[in-house]
Structures are given as structure tokens and as C-alpha cells.
Amino acid sequence: MVFDDLVSPNRQPSRPWLHLLDDEIAPTVVESDRPTRVVWSSLWTKRPDARVVFDLSGGRSGTDLRWTLLTEQPYPEDRQLRHLCQRIGNLINANLRYTYG
């Protein structure tokens, strides 16, 4: 289910979770390998080079998810990096997670 939600964030209109800010755009899936990996394009118009890599594992008891933010040089300054990571954290660790109850 987590894999499907990452591949198609708006697949269940009754459980919206990808709430974007004004400076963000909906990601596209750049790569996927069911059920363990999803790579998103950038969420940010100011950082079109950014990618978010999701690695999933687990079984019947749930899904473990690790995300990694990748960018090209020049790397984001500390303040911007914290903002990007915080946004991913909010979208995934809060919004998406809370839709599962």
C-alpha cells in the first residue's frame, strides 16, 4: 500500500496527503521497482535537480521506509537543505503516515 501511494499519491481521493506549498510541484515517478524502491522527481521549482529516493522493506507487520534526498552541485545551503528535508518529513512521516490511521 505504501509503495502504491508513493507511485500514485492521489490514487485515493478520500485520503489526500500530498499537500504542496506554493513553491512546490507534484513529483513524477522517475524510477520504481515494486515493492522496494520509488524515485521521485523534484518537488521544488528552485531545485529541479533534486530527487527523492524511497527504499521500502517489511512484511505483514508493516512497511519500513527510508527516504534520501539527492541533489547536484551546487549543494543547497544548510538552511535550504533543512527546509527541503523538513518538507519531505512532513509529507511522508506525517501526512502519508497519518492516512493509515
PDB file of N, CA and C in Angstrom:
ATOM      1  N   MET A   1       0.814  -1.186   0.000  1.00  0.00           N
ATOM      2  CA  MET A   1       0.000   0.000   0.000  1.00  0.00           C
ATOM      3  C   MET A   1       0.865   1.260   0.000  1.00  0.00           C
ATOM      4  N   VAL A   2       1.953   1.302   0.793  1.00  0.00           N
ATOM      5  CA  VAL A   2       2.825   2.475   0.812  1.00  0.00           C
ATOM      6  C   VAL A   2       3.453   2.666  -0.561  1.00  0.00           C
ATOM      7  N   PHE A   3       3.928   1.589  -1.155  1.00  0.00           N
ATOM      8  CA  PHE A   3       4.507   1.672  -2.493  1.00  0.00           C
ATOM      9  C   PHE A   3       3.505   2.303  -3.457  1.00  0.00           C
ATOM     10  N   ASP A   4       2.265   1.819  -3.450  1.00  0.00           N
ATOM     11  CA  ASP A   4       1.239   2.343  -4.363  1.00  0.00           C
ATOM     12  C   ASP A   4       0.959   3.816  -4.106  1.00  0.00           C
ATOM     13  N   ASP A   5       0.961   4.236  -2.849  1.00  0.00           N
ATOM     14  CA  ASP A   5       0.719   5.641  -2.530  1.00  0.00           C
ATOM     15  C   ASP A   5       1.868   6.531  -2.990  1.00  0.00           C
ATOM     16  N   LEU A   6       3.088   6.028  -2.946  1.00  0.00           N
ATOM     17  CA  LEU A   6       4.222   6.805  -3.433  1.00  0.00           C
ATOM     18  C   LEU A   6       4.234   6.903  -4.953  1.00  0.00           C
ATOM     19  N   VAL A   7       3.839   5.821  -5.610  1.00  0.00           N
ATOM     20  CA  VAL A   7       3.812   5.808  -7.065  1.00  0.00           C
ATOM     21  C   VAL A   7       2.648   6.654  -7.599  1.00  0.00           C
ATOM     22  N   SER A   8       1.554   6.678  -6.873  1.00  0.00           N
ATOM     23  CA  SER A   8       0.360   7.427  -7.292  1.00  0.00           C
ATOM     24  C   SER A   8      -0.237   8.140  -6.072  1.00  0.00           C
ATOM     25  N   PRO A   9       0.328   9.292  -5.705  1.00  0.00           N
ATOM     26  CA  PRO A   9      -0.080   9.968  -4.471  1.00  0.00           C
ATOM     27  C   PRO A   9      -1.559  10.345  -4.392  1.00  0.00           C
ATOM     28  N   ASN A  10      -2.209  10.530  -5.503  1.00  0.00           N
ATOM     29  CA  ASN A  10      -3.611  10.941  -5.482  1.00  0.00           C
ATOM     30  C   ASN A  10      -4.566   9.807  -5.840  1.00  0.00           C
ATOM     31  N   ARG A  11      -4.118   8.581  -5.660  1.00  0.00           N
ATOM     32  CA  ARG A  11      -4.933   7.441  -6.078  1.00  0.00           C
ATOM     33  C   ARG A  11      -6.181   7.257  -5.235  1.00  0.00           C
ATOM     34  N   GLN A  12      -6.181   7.744  -4.009  1.00  0.00           N
ATOM     35  CA  GLN A  12      -7.350   7.618  -3.137  1.00  0.00           C
ATOM     36  C   GLN A  12      -7.788   9.005  -2.692  1.00  0.00           C
ATOM     37  N   PRO A  13      -8.711   9.613  -3.407  1.00  0.00           N
ATOM     38  CA  PRO A  13      -9.148  10.974  -3.074  1.00  0.00           C
ATOM     39  C   PRO A  13      -9.675  11.119  -1.646  1.00  0.00           C
ATOM     40  N   SER A  14     -10.124  10.031  -1.047  1.00  0.00           N
ATOM     41  CA  SER A  14     -10.625  10.098   0.327  1.00  0.00           C
ATOM     42  C   SER A  14      -9.490  10.179   1.346  1.00  0.00           C
ATOM     43  N   ARG A  15      -8.230   9.975   0.895  1.00  0.00           N
ATOM     44  CA  ARG A  15      -7.059  10.029   1.782  1.00  0.00           C
ATOM     45  C   ARG A  15      -5.981  10.947   1.206  1.00  0.00           C
ATOM     46  N   PRO A  16      -6.293  12.217   0.987  1.00  0.00           N
ATOM     47  CA  PRO A  16      -5.263  13.088   0.408  1.00  0.00           C
ATOM     48  C   PRO A  16      -4.127  13.324   1.400  1.00  0.00           C
ATOM     49  N   TRP A  17      -2.917  13.336   0.903  1.00  0.00           N
ATOM     50  CA  TRP A  17      -1.771  13.561   1.783  1.00  0.00           C
ATOM     51  C   TRP A  17      -0.674  14.409   1.146  1.00  0.00           C
ATOM     52  N   LEU A  18      -0.635  14.497  -0.165  1.00  0.00           N
ATOM     53  CA  LEU A  18       0.413  15.261  -0.836  1.00  0.00           C
ATOM     54  C   LEU A  18      -0.041  16.715  -0.966  1.00  0.00           C
ATOM     55  N   HIS A  19       0.019  17.425   0.150  1.00  0.00           N
ATOM     56  CA  HIS A  19      -0.390  18.825   0.203  1.00  0.00           C
ATOM     57  C   HIS A  19       0.836  19.689  -0.071  1.00  0.00           C
ATOM     58  N   LEU A  20       0.877  20.275  -1.273  1.00  0.00           N
ATOM     59  CA  LEU A  20       2.054  21.015  -1.716  1.00  0.00           C
ATOM     60  C   LEU A  20       1.948  22.495  -1.367  1.00  0.00           C
ATOM     61  N   LEU A  21       3.103  23.108  -1.150  1.00  0.00           N
ATOM     62  CA  LEU A  21       3.186  24.542  -0.913  1.00  0.00           C
ATOM     63  C   LEU A  21       3.244  25.275  -2.248  1.00  0.00           C
ATOM     64  N   ASP A  22       3.146  26.589  -2.201  1.00  0.00           N
ATOM     65  CA  ASP A  22       3.117  27.393  -3.431  1.00  0.00           C
ATOM     66  C   ASP A  22       4.366  27.235  -4.295  1.00  0.00           C
ATOM     67  N   ASP A  23       5.506  26.975  -3.676  1.00  0.00           N
ATOM     68  CA  ASP A  23       6.747  26.845  -4.445  1.00  0.00           C
ATOM     69  C   ASP A  23       7.070  25.390  -4.795  1.00  0.00           C
ATOM     70  N   GLU A  24       6.089  24.504  -4.673  1.00  0.00           N
ATOM     71  CA  GLU A  24       6.302  23.083  -4.950  1.00  0.00           C
ATOM     72  C   GLU A  24       5.413  22.609  -6.105  1.00  0.00           C
ATOM     73  N   ILE A  25       5.871  21.557  -6.751  1.00  0.00           N
ATOM     74  CA  ILE A  25       5.110  20.936  -7.836  1.00  0.00           C
ATOM     75  C   ILE A  25       4.986  19.440  -7.545  1.00  0.00           C
ATOM     76  N   ALA A  26       3.954  18.838  -8.092  1.00  0.00           N
ATOM     77  CA  ALA A  26       3.758  17.401  -7.889  1.00  0.00           C
ATOM     78  C   ALA A  26       4.906  16.632  -8.539  1.00  0.00           C
ATOM     79  N   PRO A  27       5.463  15.672  -7.832  1.00  0.00           N
ATOM     80  CA  PRO A  27       6.565  14.895  -8.401  1.00  0.00           C
ATOM     81  C   PRO A  27       6.061  13.892  -9.418  1.00  0.00           C
ATOM     82  N   THR A  28       6.964  13.483 -10.273  1.00  0.00           N
ATOM     83  CA  THR A  28       6.695  12.357 -11.164  1.00  0.00           C
ATOM     84  C   THR A  28       7.585  11.211 -10.724  1.00  0.00           C
ATOM     85  N   VAL A  29       7.173  10.013 -11.024  1.00  0.00           N
ATOM     86  CA  VAL A  29       7.979   8.840 -10.689  1.00  0.00           C
ATOM     87  C   VAL A  29       9.034   8.676 -11.773  1.00  0.00           C
ATOM     88  N   VAL A  30      10.285   8.809 -11.380  1.00  0.00           N
ATOM     89  CA  VAL A  30      11.415   8.686 -12.289  1.00  0.00           C
ATOM     90  C   VAL A  30      11.813   7.225 -12.441  1.00  0.00           C
ATOM     91  N   GLU A  31      11.635   6.470 -11.358  1.00  0.00           N
ATOM     92  CA  GLU A  31      12.041   5.071 -11.338  1.00  0.00           C
ATOM     93  C   GLU A  31      11.226   4.353 -10.272  1.00  0.00           C
ATOM     94  N   SER A  32      10.911   3.103 -10.511  1.00  0.00           N
ATOM     95  CA  SER A  32      10.268   2.301  -9.470  1.00  0.00           C
ATOM     96  C   SER A  32      10.600   0.837  -9.682  1.00  0.00           C
ATOM     97  N   ASP A  33      10.693   0.133  -8.573  1.00  0.00           N
ATOM     98  CA  ASP A  33      10.954  -1.299  -8.583  1.00  0.00           C
ATOM     99  C   ASP A  33      10.077  -1.901  -7.489  1.00  0.00           C
ATOM    100  N   ARG A  34       8.904  -2.379  -7.876  1.00  0.00           N
ATOM    101  CA  ARG A  34       7.927  -2.906  -6.923  1.00  0.00           C
ATOM    102  C   ARG A  34       8.493  -4.084  -6.172  1.00  0.00           C
ATOM    103  N   PRO A  35       8.409  -4.152  -4.904  1.00  0.00           N
ATOM    104  CA  PRO A  35       7.787  -3.242  -3.946  1.00  0.00           C
ATOM    105  C   PRO A  35       8.811  -2.478  -3.104  1.00  0.00           C
ATOM    106  N   THR A  36      10.066  -2.353  -3.598  1.00  0.00           N
ATOM    107  CA  THR A  36      11.130  -1.886  -2.712  1.00  0.00           C
ATOM    108  C   THR A  36      11.695  -0.500  -2.989  1.00  0.00           C
ATOM    109  N   ARG A  37      11.372   0.099  -4.119  1.00  0.00           N
ATOM    110  CA  ARG A  37      12.048   1.368  -4.448  1.00  0.00           C
ATOM    111  C   ARG A  37      11.169   2.256  -5.317  1.00  0.00           C
ATOM    112  N   VAL A  38      11.158   3.549  -4.957  1.00  0.00           N
ATOM    113  CA  VAL A  38      10.485   4.571  -5.759  1.00  0.00           C
ATOM    114  C   VAL A  38      11.389   5.796  -5.769  1.00  0.00           C
ATOM    115  N   VAL A  39      11.556   6.402  -6.939  1.00  0.00           N
ATOM    116  CA  VAL A  39      12.332   7.637  -7.045  1.00  0.00           C
ATOM    117  C   VAL A  39      11.431   8.707  -7.634  1.00  0.00           C
ATOM    118  N   TRP A  40      11.337   9.817  -6.915  1.00  0.00           N
ATOM    119  CA  TRP A  40      10.546  10.960  -7.366  1.00  0.00           C
ATOM    120  C   TRP A  40      11.440  12.007  -8.014  1.00  0.00           C
ATOM    121  N   SER A  41      10.863  12.731  -8.970  1.00  0.00           N
ATOM    122  CA  SER A  41      11.496  13.942  -9.474  1.00  0.00           C
ATOM    123  C   SER A  41      11.376  15.014  -8.392  1.00  0.00           C
ATOM    124  N   SER A  42      11.931  16.146  -8.666  1.00  0.00           N
ATOM    125  CA  SER A  42      11.946  17.227  -7.684  1.00  0.00           C
ATOM    126  C   SER A  42      10.549  17.755  -7.375  1.00  0.00           C
ATOM    127  N   LEU A  43      10.364  18.136  -6.126  1.00  0.00           N
ATOM    128  CA  LEU A  43       9.149  18.823  -5.691  1.00  0.00           C
ATOM    129  C   LEU A  43       9.288  20.335  -5.828  1.00  0.00           C
ATOM    130  N   TRP A  44      10.498  20.815  -6.075  1.00  0.00           N
ATOM    131  CA  TRP A  44      10.793  22.241  -5.977  1.00  0.00           C
ATOM    132  C   TRP A  44      11.231  22.835  -7.302  1.00  0.00           C
ATOM    133  N   THR A  45      10.546  23.889  -7.702  1.00  0.00           N
ATOM    134  CA  THR A  45      10.894  24.568  -8.950  1.00  0.00           C
ATOM    135  C   THR A  45      12.280  25.197  -8.873  1.00  0.00           C
ATOM    136  N   LYS A  46      12.711  25.583  -7.660  1.00  0.00           N
ATOM    137  CA  LYS A  46      14.028  26.202  -7.499  1.00  0.00           C
ATOM    138  C   LYS A  46      15.159  25.173  -7.449  1.00  0.00           C
ATOM    139  N   ARG A  47      14.816  23.901  -7.289  1.00  0.00           N
ATOM    140  CA  ARG A  47      15.814  22.827  -7.277  1.00  0.00           C
ATOM    141  C   ARG A  47      15.343  21.681  -8.172  1.00  0.00           C
ATOM    142  N   PRO A  48      15.262  21.927  -9.491  1.00  0.00           N
ATOM    143  CA  PRO A  48      14.771  20.874 -10.393  1.00  0.00           C
ATOM    144  C   PRO A  48      15.667  19.643 -10.453  1.00  0.00           C
ATOM    145  N   ASP A  49      16.902  19.758  -9.949  1.00  0.00           N
ATOM    146  CA  ASP A  49      17.836  18.638  -9.949  1.00  0.00           C
ATOM    147  C   ASP A  49      17.591  17.660  -8.806  1.00  0.00           C
ATOM    148  N   ALA A  50      16.812  18.061  -7.829  1.00  0.00           N
ATOM    149  CA  ALA A  50      16.605  17.222  -6.637  1.00  0.00           C
ATOM    150  C   ALA A  50      15.818  15.956  -6.989  1.00  0.00           C
ATOM    151  N   ARG A  51      16.145  14.895  -6.309  1.00  0.00           N
ATOM    152  CA  ARG A  51      15.428  13.626  -6.414  1.00  0.00           C
ATOM    153  C   ARG A  51      15.192  13.108  -5.004  1.00  0.00           C
ATOM    154  N   VAL A  52      14.072  12.428  -4.806  1.00  0.00           N
ATOM    155  CA  VAL A  52      13.793  11.795  -3.525  1.00  0.00           C
ATOM    156  C   VAL A  52      13.713  10.293  -3.779  1.00  0.00           C
ATOM    157  N   VAL A  53      14.577   9.552  -3.117  1.00  0.00           N
ATOM    158  CA  VAL A  53      14.639   8.102  -3.271  1.00  0.00           C
ATOM    159  C   VAL A  53      13.999   7.469  -2.041  1.00  0.00           C
ATOM    160  N   PHE A  54      13.022   6.603  -2.277  1.00  0.00           N
ATOM    161  CA  PHE A  54      12.349   5.877  -1.203  1.00  0.00           C
ATOM    162  C   PHE A  54      12.745   4.409  -1.290  1.00  0.00           C
ATOM    163  N   ASP A  55      13.283   3.882  -0.195  1.00  0.00           N
ATOM    164  CA  ASP A  55      13.597   2.457  -0.091  1.00  0.00           C
ATOM    165  C   ASP A  55      12.628   1.860   0.920  1.00  0.00           C
ATOM    166  N   LEU A  56      11.898   0.826   0.497  1.00  0.00           N
ATOM    167  CA  LEU A  56      10.880   0.212   1.336  1.00  0.00           C
ATOM    168  C   LEU A  56      11.246  -1.233   1.633  1.00  0.00           C
ATOM    169  N   SER A  57      10.935  -1.652   2.851  1.00  0.00           N
ATOM    170  CA  SER A  57      11.115  -3.044   3.241  1.00  0.00           C
ATOM    171  C   SER A  57      10.071  -3.366   4.293  1.00  0.00           C
ATOM    172  N   GLY A  58       9.943  -4.612   4.622  1.00  0.00           N
ATOM    173  CA  GLY A  58       8.980  -5.015   5.641  1.00  0.00           C
ATOM    174  C   GLY A  58       8.143  -6.173   5.167  1.00  0.00           C
ATOM    175  N   GLY A  59       7.104  -6.420   5.916  1.00  0.00           N
ATOM    176  CA  GLY A  59       6.242  -7.551   5.606  1.00  0.00           C
ATOM    177  C   GLY A  59       4.847  -7.304   6.115  1.00  0.00           C
ATOM    178  N   ARG A  60       4.266  -8.350   6.664  1.00  0.00           N
ATOM    179  CA  ARG A  60       2.880  -8.275   7.126  1.00  0.00           C
ATOM    180  C   ARG A  60       2.675  -7.298   8.279  1.00  0.00           C
ATOM    181  N   SER A  61       3.713  -7.085   9.075  1.00  0.00           N
ATOM    182  CA  SER A  61       3.567  -6.211  10.242  1.00  0.00           C
ATOM    183  C   SER A  61       3.697  -4.739   9.897  1.00  0.00           C
ATOM    184  N   GLY A  62       4.007  -4.413   8.653  1.00  0.00           N
ATOM    185  CA  GLY A  62       4.118  -3.016   8.263  1.00  0.00           C
ATOM    186  C   GLY A  62       5.248  -2.797   7.282  1.00  0.00           C
ATOM    187  N   THR A  63       5.430  -1.546   6.923  1.00  0.00           N
ATOM    188  CA  THR A  63       6.449  -1.177   5.956  1.00  0.00           C
ATOM    189  C   THR A  63       7.457  -0.252   6.610  1.00  0.00           C
ATOM    190  N   ASP A  64       8.729  -0.563   6.450  1.00  0.00           N
ATOM    191  CA  ASP A  64       9.794   0.345   6.848  1.00  0.00           C
ATOM    192  C   ASP A  64      10.147   1.176   5.627  1.00  0.00           C
ATOM    193  N   LEU A  65      10.250   2.481   5.814  1.00  0.00           N
ATOM    194  CA  LEU A  65      10.521   3.372   4.703  1.00  0.00           C
ATOM    195  C   LEU A  65      11.690   4.274   5.063  1.00  0.00           C
ATOM    196  N   ARG A  66      12.644   4.348   4.166  1.00  0.00           N
ATOM    197  CA  ARG A  66      13.763   5.272   4.302  1.00  0.00           C
ATOM    198  C   ARG A  66      13.779   6.150   3.068  1.00  0.00           C
ATOM    199  N   TRP A  67      13.858   7.451   3.260  1.00  0.00           N
ATOM    200  CA  TRP A  67      13.965   8.335   2.111  1.00  0.00           C
ATOM    201  C   TRP A  67      15.313   9.032   2.127  1.00  0.00           C
ATOM    202  N   THR A  68      15.791   9.335   0.923  1.00  0.00           N
ATOM    203  CA  THR A  68      17.066  10.007   0.747  1.00  0.00           C
ATOM    204  C   THR A  68      16.878  11.125  -0.260  1.00  0.00           C
ATOM    205  N   LEU A  69      17.335  12.321   0.082  1.00  0.00           N
ATOM    206  CA  LEU A  69      17.285  13.459  -0.826  1.00  0.00           C
ATOM    207  C   LEU A  69      18.615  13.552  -1.558  1.00  0.00           C
ATOM    208  N   LEU A  70      18.560  13.563  -2.882  1.00  0.00           N
ATOM    209  CA  LEU A  70      19.763  13.686  -3.706  1.00  0.00           C
ATOM    210  C   LEU A  70      19.700  14.994  -4.479  1.00  0.00           C
ATOM    211  N   THR A  71      20.815  15.717  -4.508  1.00  0.00           N
ATOM    212  CA  THR A  71      20.902  16.944  -5.302  1.00  0.00           C
ATOM    213  C   THR A  71      22.255  16.978  -5.991  1.00  0.00           C
ATOM    214  N   GLU A  72      22.309  17.786  -7.018  1.00  0.00           N
ATOM    215  CA  GLU A  72      23.571  18.001  -7.711  1.00  0.00           C
ATOM    216  C   GLU A  72      24.243  19.244  -7.138  1.00  0.00           C
ATOM    217  N   GLN A  73      25.459  19.498  -7.562  1.00  0.00           N
ATOM    218  CA  GLN A  73      26.155  20.712  -7.140  1.00  0.00           C
ATOM    219  C   GLN A  73      25.632  21.891  -7.930  1.00  0.00           C
ATOM    220  N   PRO A  74      25.575  23.062  -7.384  1.00  0.00           N
ATOM    221  CA  PRO A  74      25.956  23.394  -6.020  1.00  0.00           C
ATOM    222  C   PRO A  74      24.929  22.849  -5.035  1.00  0.00           C
ATOM    223  N   TYR A  75      25.432  22.284  -3.948  1.00  0.00           N
ATOM    224  CA  TYR A  75      24.558  21.709  -2.941  1.00  0.00           C
ATOM    225  C   TYR A  75      23.795  22.819  -2.222  1.00  0.00           C
ATOM    226  N   PRO A  76      22.607  22.503  -1.729  1.00  0.00           N
ATOM    227  CA  PRO A  76      21.837  23.522  -1.008  1.00  0.00           C
ATOM    228  C   PRO A  76      22.594  23.999   0.234  1.00  0.00           C
ATOM    229  N   GLU A  77      22.404  25.266   0.539  1.00  0.00           N
ATOM    230  CA  GLU A  77      22.955  25.787   1.785  1.00  0.00           C
ATOM    231  C   GLU A  77      22.220  25.114   2.937  1.00  0.00           C
ATOM    232  N   ASP A  78      22.813  25.149   4.121  1.00  0.00           N
ATOM    233  CA  ASP A  78      22.255  24.453   5.287  1.00  0.00           C
ATOM    234  C   ASP A  78      20.789  24.797   5.525  1.00  0.00           C
ATOM    235  N   ARG A  79      20.458  26.067   5.453  1.00  0.00           N
ATOM    236  CA  ARG A  79      19.074  26.498   5.711  1.00  0.00           C
ATOM    237  C   ARG A  79      18.104  25.893   4.695  1.00  0.00           C
ATOM    238  N   GLN A  80      18.476  25.937   3.412  1.00  0.00           N
ATOM    239  CA  GLN A  80      17.614  25.376   2.378  1.00  0.00           C
ATOM    240  C   GLN A  80      17.537  23.857   2.499  1.00  0.00           C
ATOM    241  N   LEU A  81      18.645  23.212   2.822  1.00  0.00           N
ATOM    242  CA  LEU A  81      18.658  21.768   2.991  1.00  0.00           C
ATOM    243  C   LEU A  81      17.718  21.349   4.123  1.00  0.00           C
ATOM    244  N   ARG A  82      17.774  22.071   5.227  1.00  0.00           N
ATOM    245  CA  ARG A  82      16.867  21.776   6.339  1.00  0.00           C
ATOM    246  C   ARG A  82      15.410  21.923   5.907  1.00  0.00           C
ATOM    247  N   HIS A  83      15.116  22.954   5.124  1.00  0.00           N
ATOM    248  CA  HIS A  83      13.744  23.163   4.643  1.00  0.00           C
ATOM    249  C   HIS A  83      13.297  22.003   3.746  1.00  0.00           C
ATOM    250  N   LEU A  84      14.140  21.606   2.804  1.00  0.00           N
ATOM    251  CA  LEU A  84      13.784  20.512   1.891  1.00  0.00           C
ATOM    252  C   LEU A  84      13.534  19.222   2.664  1.00  0.00           C
ATOM    253  N   CYS A  85      14.429  18.917   3.594  1.00  0.00           N
ATOM    254  CA  CYS A  85      14.276  17.692   4.384  1.00  0.00           C
ATOM    255  C   CYS A  85      13.049  17.760   5.293  1.00  0.00           C
ATOM    256  N   GLN A  86      12.796  18.919   5.851  1.00  0.00           N
ATOM    257  CA  GLN A  86      11.611  19.074   6.698  1.00  0.00           C
ATOM    258  C   GLN A  86      10.337  18.865   5.885  1.00  0.00           C
ATOM    259  N   ARG A  87      10.307  19.366   4.671  1.00  0.00           N
ATOM    260  CA  ARG A  87       9.119  19.188   3.831  1.00  0.00           C
ATOM    261  C   ARG A  87       8.898  17.717   3.494  1.00  0.00           C
ATOM    262  N   ILE A  88       9.953  17.014   3.138  1.00  0.00           N
ATOM    263  CA  ILE A  88       9.797  15.585   2.862  1.00  0.00           C
ATOM    264  C   ILE A  88       9.309  14.880   4.124  1.00  0.00           C
ATOM    265  N   GLY A  89       9.903  15.223   5.247  1.00  0.00           N
ATOM    266  CA  GLY A  89       9.481  14.638   6.511  1.00  0.00           C
ATOM    267  C   GLY A  89       8.018  14.894   6.805  1.00  0.00           C
ATOM    268  N   ASN A  90       7.555  16.107   6.581  1.00  0.00           N
ATOM    269  CA  ASN A  90       6.144  16.422   6.812  1.00  0.00           C
ATOM    270  C   ASN A  90       5.238  15.636   5.873  1.00  0.00           C
ATOM    271  N   LEU A  91       5.601  15.601   4.599  1.00  0.00           N
ATOM    272  CA  LEU A  91       4.757  14.905   3.625  1.00  0.00           C
ATOM    273  C   LEU A  91       4.696  13.404   3.888  1.00  0.00           C
ATOM    274  N   ILE A  92       5.832  12.805   4.182  1.00  0.00           N
ATOM    275  CA  ILE A  92       5.898  11.352   4.317  1.00  0.00           C
ATOM    276  C   ILE A  92       5.659  10.890   5.751  1.00  0.00           C
ATOM    277  N   ASN A  93       6.438  11.430   6.689  1.00  0.00           N
ATOM    278  CA  ASN A  93       6.377  10.956   8.073  1.00  0.00           C
ATOM    279  C   ASN A  93       5.159  11.459   8.827  1.00  0.00           C
ATOM    280  N   ALA A  94       4.504  12.465   8.311  1.00  0.00           N
ATOM    281  CA  ALA A  94       3.287  12.965   8.957  1.00  0.00           C
ATOM    282  C   ALA A  94       2.079  12.715   8.048  1.00  0.00           C
ATOM    283  N   ASN A  95       1.975  13.463   6.969  1.00  0.00           N
ATOM    284  CA  ASN A  95       0.774  13.392   6.130  1.00  0.00           C
ATOM    285  C   ASN A  95       0.435  11.976   5.656  1.00  0.00           C
ATOM    286  N   LEU A  96       1.389  11.329   4.986  1.00  0.00           N
ATOM    287  CA  LEU A  96       1.116   9.980   4.460  1.00  0.00           C
ATOM    288  C   LEU A  96       0.897   9.007   5.609  1.00  0.00           C
ATOM    289  N   ARG A  97       1.741   9.050   6.590  1.00  0.00           N
ATOM    290  CA  ARG A  97       1.642   8.104   7.711  1.00  0.00           C
ATOM    291  C   ARG A  97       0.294   8.198   8.412  1.00  0.00           C
ATOM    292  N   TYR A  98      -0.182   9.418   8.639  1.00  0.00           N
ATOM    293  CA  TYR A  98      -1.440   9.597   9.357  1.00  0.00           C
ATOM    294  C   TYR A  98      -2.662   9.114   8.581  1.00  0.00           C
ATOM    295  N   THR A  99      -2.531   8.991   7.251  1.00  0.00           N
ATOM    296  CA  THR A  99      -3.679   8.480   6.488  1.00  0.00           C
ATOM    297  C   THR A  99      -3.923   7.004   6.741  1.00  0.00           C
ATOM    298  N   TYR A 100      -2.941   6.312   7.322  1.00  0.00           N
ATOM    299  CA  TYR A 100      -3.106   4.900   7.619  1.00  0.00           C
ATOM    300  C   TYR A 100      -3.743   4.638   8.971  1.00  0.00           C
ATOM    301  N   GLY A 101      -3.990   5.703   9.725  1.00  0.00           N
ATOM    302  CA  GLY A 101      -4.717   5.563  10.987  1.00  0.00           C
ATOM    303  C   GLY A 101      -3.907   5.408  12.201  1.00  0.00           C
TER     304      GLY A 101
END
